[in-house]
Protein backbone atom coordinates (compact mmCIF):
# COMPACT_ATOMS: atom_id res chain seq x y z
CA UNK A 1 73.47 84.95 70.89
CA UNK A 2 75.69 86.81 73.05
CA UNK A 3 77.17 88.83 70.39
CA UNK A 4 73.85 89.38 68.74
CA UNK A 5 72.35 90.21 72.45
CA UNK A 6 75.11 92.71 73.00
CA UNK A 7 74.57 94.35 69.65
CA UNK A 8 70.87 94.76 70.18
CA UNK A 9 71.76 96.47 73.74
CA UNK A 10 74.47 98.54 72.69
CA UNK A 11 72.55 101.81 71.86
CA UNK A 12 69.95 101.56 74.76
CA UNK A 13 72.46 100.94 77.26
CA UNK A 14 74.96 103.87 75.77
CA UNK A 15 72.07 106.44 75.80
CA UNK A 16 71.01 105.00 79.79
CA UNK A 17 74.32 105.18 81.07
CA UNK A 18 74.92 108.69 79.23
CA UNK A 19 71.44 109.92 81.11
CA UNK A 20 72.69 108.59 84.44
CA UNK A 21 76.40 110.21 84.38
CA UNK A 22 75.08 113.37 82.39
CA UNK A 23 72.79 113.75 85.23
CA UNK A 24 74.98 113.34 88.38
CA UNK A 25 77.68 115.60 86.11
CA UNK A 26 75.00 118.54 85.71
CA UNK A 27 73.38 118.55 89.32
CA UNK A 28 77.18 118.17 90.62
CA UNK A 29 77.66 121.69 88.63
CA UNK A 30 75.56 123.65 91.71
CA UNK A 31 77.52 122.31 94.46
CA UNK A 32 79.91 124.73 94.84
CA UNK A 33 76.97 127.51 95.11
CA UNK A 34 74.93 125.05 97.54
CA UNK A 35 78.50 124.77 99.56
CA UNK A 36 78.74 128.58 99.77
CA UNK A 37 75.40 129.08 101.12
CA UNK A 38 75.01 125.83 103.14
CA UNK A 39 73.71 127.40 106.16
CA UNK A 40 70.59 129.06 104.29
CA UNK A 41 69.82 125.70 102.74
CA UNK A 42 70.36 123.66 105.78
CA UNK A 43 67.58 125.95 107.44
CA UNK A 44 65.32 125.91 104.47
CA UNK A 45 65.16 121.84 104.57
CA UNK A 46 64.60 122.05 108.28
CA UNK A 47 61.40 123.23 107.63
CA UNK A 48 60.58 120.07 105.64
CA UNK A 49 58.71 116.91 107.06
CA UNK A 50 60.94 113.87 107.89
CA UNK A 51 58.95 111.63 105.50
CA UNK A 52 59.57 113.70 102.75
CA UNK A 53 63.00 114.33 102.97
CA UNK A 54 63.88 110.56 103.68
CA UNK A 55 61.60 110.20 100.42
CA UNK A 56 63.85 112.47 98.34
CA UNK A 57 66.87 110.78 99.89
CA UNK A 58 67.81 114.06 101.61
CA UNK A 59 71.11 114.21 103.65
CA UNK A 60 73.77 116.75 104.56
CA UNK A 61 74.17 118.93 101.41
CA UNK A 62 77.36 120.87 102.79
CA UNK A 63 79.32 117.99 101.92
CA UNK A 64 80.09 116.71 98.10
CA UNK A 65 79.06 113.05 99.22
CA UNK A 66 75.96 114.70 100.99
CA UNK A 67 75.01 116.64 98.05
CA UNK A 68 75.48 114.24 95.60
CA UNK A 69 73.65 111.42 97.42
CA UNK A 70 70.48 113.75 97.72
CA UNK A 71 70.67 115.29 94.21
CA UNK A 72 71.34 112.06 92.25
CA UNK A 73 72.66 108.84 93.78
CA UNK A 74 70.11 107.98 96.67
CA UNK A 75 67.07 108.41 94.16
CA UNK A 76 67.00 109.84 90.88
CA UNK A 77 70.38 108.08 89.23
CA UNK A 78 68.46 104.56 90.31
CA UNK A 79 65.11 105.66 88.59
CA UNK A 80 67.02 106.43 85.65
CA UNK A 81 68.98 103.39 85.49
CA UNK A 82 65.84 100.83 87.08
CA UNK A 83 64.16 101.61 83.81
CA UNK A 84 66.21 100.20 81.62
CA UNK A 85 67.13 97.19 83.79
CA UNK A 86 63.56 96.64 84.13
CA UNK A 87 62.42 97.11 80.14
CA UNK A 88 65.38 95.14 79.05
CA UNK A 89 64.92 92.34 81.80
CA UNK A 90 61.32 92.09 80.56
CA UNK A 91 62.17 92.07 77.16
CA UNK A 92 64.42 88.95 77.34
CA UNK A 93 61.89 86.34 76.30
CA UNK A 94 58.51 88.18 75.91
CA UNK A 95 59.96 90.57 73.05
CA UNK A 96 60.91 87.45 70.99
CA UNK A 97 57.17 86.38 71.72
CA UNK A 98 55.40 89.16 70.71
CA UNK A 99 57.98 90.09 67.66
CA UNK A 100 56.85 86.53 66.43
CA UNK A 101 60.56 85.48 66.55
CA UNK A 102 60.56 83.05 69.35
CA UNK A 103 60.44 80.03 66.82
CA UNK A 104 63.77 81.71 64.90
CA UNK A 105 65.23 81.80 68.05
CA UNK A 106 64.63 78.79 69.22
CA UNK A 107 65.67 76.95 65.81
CA UNK A 108 69.02 77.73 66.75
CA UNK A 109 70.77 74.38 67.58
CA UNK A 110 71.17 75.00 71.64
CA UNK A 111 69.13 74.31 74.73
CA UNK A 112 66.76 76.93 75.44
CA UNK A 113 68.52 77.78 78.83
CA UNK A 114 71.92 78.31 76.98
CA UNK A 115 69.95 80.87 74.71
CA UNK A 116 68.46 82.49 77.31
CA UNK A 117 71.87 82.93 79.59
CA UNK A 118 73.63 84.38 76.74
CA UNK A 119 70.84 87.04 76.69
CA UNK A 120 70.87 87.28 80.32
CA UNK A 121 74.80 87.74 80.31
CA UNK A 122 74.54 90.49 77.58
CA UNK A 123 71.94 92.23 79.60
CA UNK A 124 74.52 91.88 82.84
CA UNK A 125 77.26 93.06 80.45
CA UNK A 126 75.42 96.31 79.70
CA UNK A 127 74.25 96.40 83.14
CA UNK A 128 77.52 97.18 84.49
CA UNK A 129 78.38 99.31 81.60
CA UNK A 130 75.97 101.61 82.85
CA UNK A 131 77.59 101.40 86.32
CA UNK A 132 80.85 101.97 85.10
CA UNK A 133 79.63 105.12 83.47
CA UNK A 134 77.98 106.27 87.06
CA UNK A 135 80.92 105.91 88.85
CA UNK A 136 83.09 107.83 86.31
CA UNK A 137 80.54 110.62 86.58
CA UNK A 138 80.79 110.75 90.27
CA UNK A 139 84.54 111.04 89.50
CA UNK A 140 84.75 113.63 86.99
CA UNK A 141 81.89 115.47 89.15
CA UNK A 142 84.57 115.47 91.70
CA UNK A 143 86.94 116.87 89.82
CA UNK A 144 84.97 119.62 88.49
CA UNK A 145 84.18 120.96 91.69
CA UNK A 146 87.30 120.36 93.17
CA UNK A 147 86.19 117.89 95.66
CA UNK A 148 88.12 114.35 96.51
CA UNK A 149 86.37 110.93 96.25
CA UNK A 150 88.52 107.73 97.35
CA UNK A 151 89.35 104.93 95.49
CA UNK A 152 87.57 102.45 97.68
CA UNK A 153 84.60 104.58 97.55
CA UNK A 154 83.97 104.54 94.22
CA UNK A 155 84.67 100.80 94.13
CA UNK A 156 81.93 100.49 97.14
CA UNK A 157 79.63 102.60 95.00
CA UNK A 158 80.15 100.20 91.56
CA UNK A 159 79.22 97.21 93.86
CA UNK A 160 76.24 98.64 95.41
CA UNK A 161 74.99 100.11 92.03
CA UNK A 162 76.08 96.52 90.28
CA UNK A 163 73.92 94.74 92.89
CA UNK A 164 70.80 97.03 92.69
CA UNK A 165 70.46 96.75 88.93
CA UNK A 166 70.98 93.12 88.74
CA UNK A 167 68.64 91.95 91.02
CA UNK A 168 66.01 94.29 89.37
CA UNK A 169 67.20 92.70 85.93
CA UNK A 170 67.02 89.24 87.54
CA UNK A 171 62.93 89.23 88.44
CA UNK A 172 62.31 91.38 85.60
CA UNK A 173 63.95 88.65 83.21
CA UNK A 174 61.91 86.01 85.37
CA UNK A 175 58.57 87.42 85.05
CA UNK A 176 59.68 87.56 81.16
CA UNK A 177 60.33 83.97 81.17
CA UNK A 178 56.87 83.26 82.82
CA UNK A 179 54.31 85.81 80.93
CA UNK A 180 54.21 86.35 76.97
CA UNK A 181 53.91 90.03 77.51
CA UNK A 182 56.76 92.69 78.12
CA UNK A 183 53.98 94.97 79.26
CA UNK A 184 52.62 92.43 81.72
CA UNK A 185 56.24 91.58 83.00
CA UNK A 186 57.26 95.23 83.22
CA UNK A 187 54.33 96.24 85.11
CA UNK A 188 55.03 93.74 87.29
CA UNK A 189 58.32 94.44 88.16
CA UNK A 190 57.85 98.03 88.24
CA UNK A 191 55.31 97.27 90.71
CA UNK A 192 57.87 95.12 92.97
CA UNK A 193 60.58 97.95 92.57
CA UNK A 194 57.94 100.47 93.64
CA UNK A 195 56.79 98.16 96.82
CA UNK A 196 60.18 97.31 97.64
CA UNK A 197 60.78 101.20 97.89
CA UNK A 198 57.56 101.93 99.82
CA UNK A 199 58.54 98.87 102.38
CA UNK A 200 61.78 100.83 102.69
CA UNK A 201 60.66 104.19 103.01
CA UNK A 202 58.18 102.90 105.95
CA UNK A 203 60.83 101.09 107.77
CA UNK A 204 62.81 104.26 108.11
CA UNK A 205 60.15 106.51 109.70
CA UNK A 206 60.03 104.75 112.66
CA UNK A 207 61.79 102.37 114.89
CA UNK A 208 58.79 100.51 114.98
CA UNK A 209 58.53 99.50 111.61
CA UNK A 210 62.62 99.08 111.29
CA UNK A 211 62.62 95.42 110.60
CA UNK A 212 60.53 96.19 107.29
CA UNK A 213 63.68 97.28 105.64
CA UNK A 214 64.87 93.99 106.06
CA UNK A 215 62.23 92.94 103.20
CA UNK A 216 63.42 95.85 100.45
CA UNK A 217 66.40 94.95 98.43
CA UNK A 218 66.74 99.27 98.86
CA UNK A 219 68.08 98.11 102.28
CA UNK A 220 71.02 97.30 100.32
CA UNK A 221 71.28 100.38 98.19
CA UNK A 222 73.60 102.45 100.01
CA UNK A 223 75.64 104.70 97.61
CA UNK A 224 76.57 107.97 99.75
CA UNK A 225 77.59 105.51 102.52
CA UNK A 226 79.60 103.35 99.93
CA UNK A 227 81.36 106.41 98.46
CA UNK A 228 82.11 108.12 101.75
CA UNK A 229 83.63 105.14 103.62
CA UNK A 230 84.20 102.67 100.85
CA UNK A 231 82.43 100.28 102.57
CA UNK A 232 79.51 97.91 102.02
CA UNK A 233 76.90 95.86 104.12
CA UNK A 234 77.94 92.80 103.10
CA UNK A 235 74.73 90.94 104.80
CA UNK A 236 72.50 93.15 102.86
CA UNK A 237 74.03 92.76 99.77
CA UNK A 238 74.93 89.01 100.12
CA UNK A 239 71.13 89.13 100.42
CA UNK A 240 70.59 90.80 97.00
CA UNK A 241 73.00 88.46 95.31
CA UNK A 242 71.40 85.76 96.61
CA UNK A 243 67.86 86.84 95.17
CA UNK A 244 69.68 87.52 91.86
CA UNK A 245 71.20 84.09 91.38
CA UNK A 246 67.86 82.61 92.36
CA UNK A 247 65.83 84.48 89.94
CA UNK A 248 68.18 83.70 87.11
CA UNK A 249 68.11 80.16 87.96
CA UNK A 250 64.37 80.18 88.21
CA UNK A 251 64.21 81.90 84.72
CA UNK A 252 66.13 79.28 82.94
CA UNK A 253 64.10 76.23 84.66
CA UNK A 254 61.19 77.72 83.79
CA UNK A 255 61.79 78.84 80.01
CA UNK A 256 63.26 75.45 79.48
CA UNK A 257 60.13 73.70 81.00
CA UNK A 258 57.55 75.96 79.02
CA UNK A 259 55.69 74.05 76.97
CA UNK A 260 54.71 76.48 74.09
CA UNK A 261 56.42 80.02 73.63
């Protein structure tokens, strides 16, 4: 089951990994121009509303990590790869039901939870491959523009990327084990991710609403900080990992106990 699931995911994972890393590489090529005209860019950005800059993940673009965070890591890379994590997670069970292959799938002489766990493991491996491609894209981008990033920064970046994608895939998979429609499961999952982002955004606009950020998975997604400092917020990341584990266990239990598939 694990080998089959990996085989089924191979091309989808490849193209999303290539798209995420390729986008990072593409935007990094413009960094030398921005670096040379940093004063003009900072003056221009100062005229934009704070809320808009927060929504697009804007930071100081005069540094390589600040530029890459603004143009890719803080918003656009996660959008690209979150689509893959959501759709693949929502397909874990619902796709078998919609394609009419659930009876064949469940006829394999193994417990339901083992079959689903094999699929989840394959998806986790595919997502980690996407993360590796993203980290390598950052490293190659730094080489191309003559910037420097530390090994600890790249490792920390990989950690926050992995936690972010895995938790999205986990709650998408839970919804897939509950519903028999990929459209319903992925729609709700997209809604959860969007609501989490909005809560995080609102929490960052005012000290009065700061506590709202504790309700969002985006609080643990700090790729620019991780790349710059080589450190992560262990508490936030631990909470996201815990949510992932709970969703996986709930998915296995729900799928095992479903009367009809």
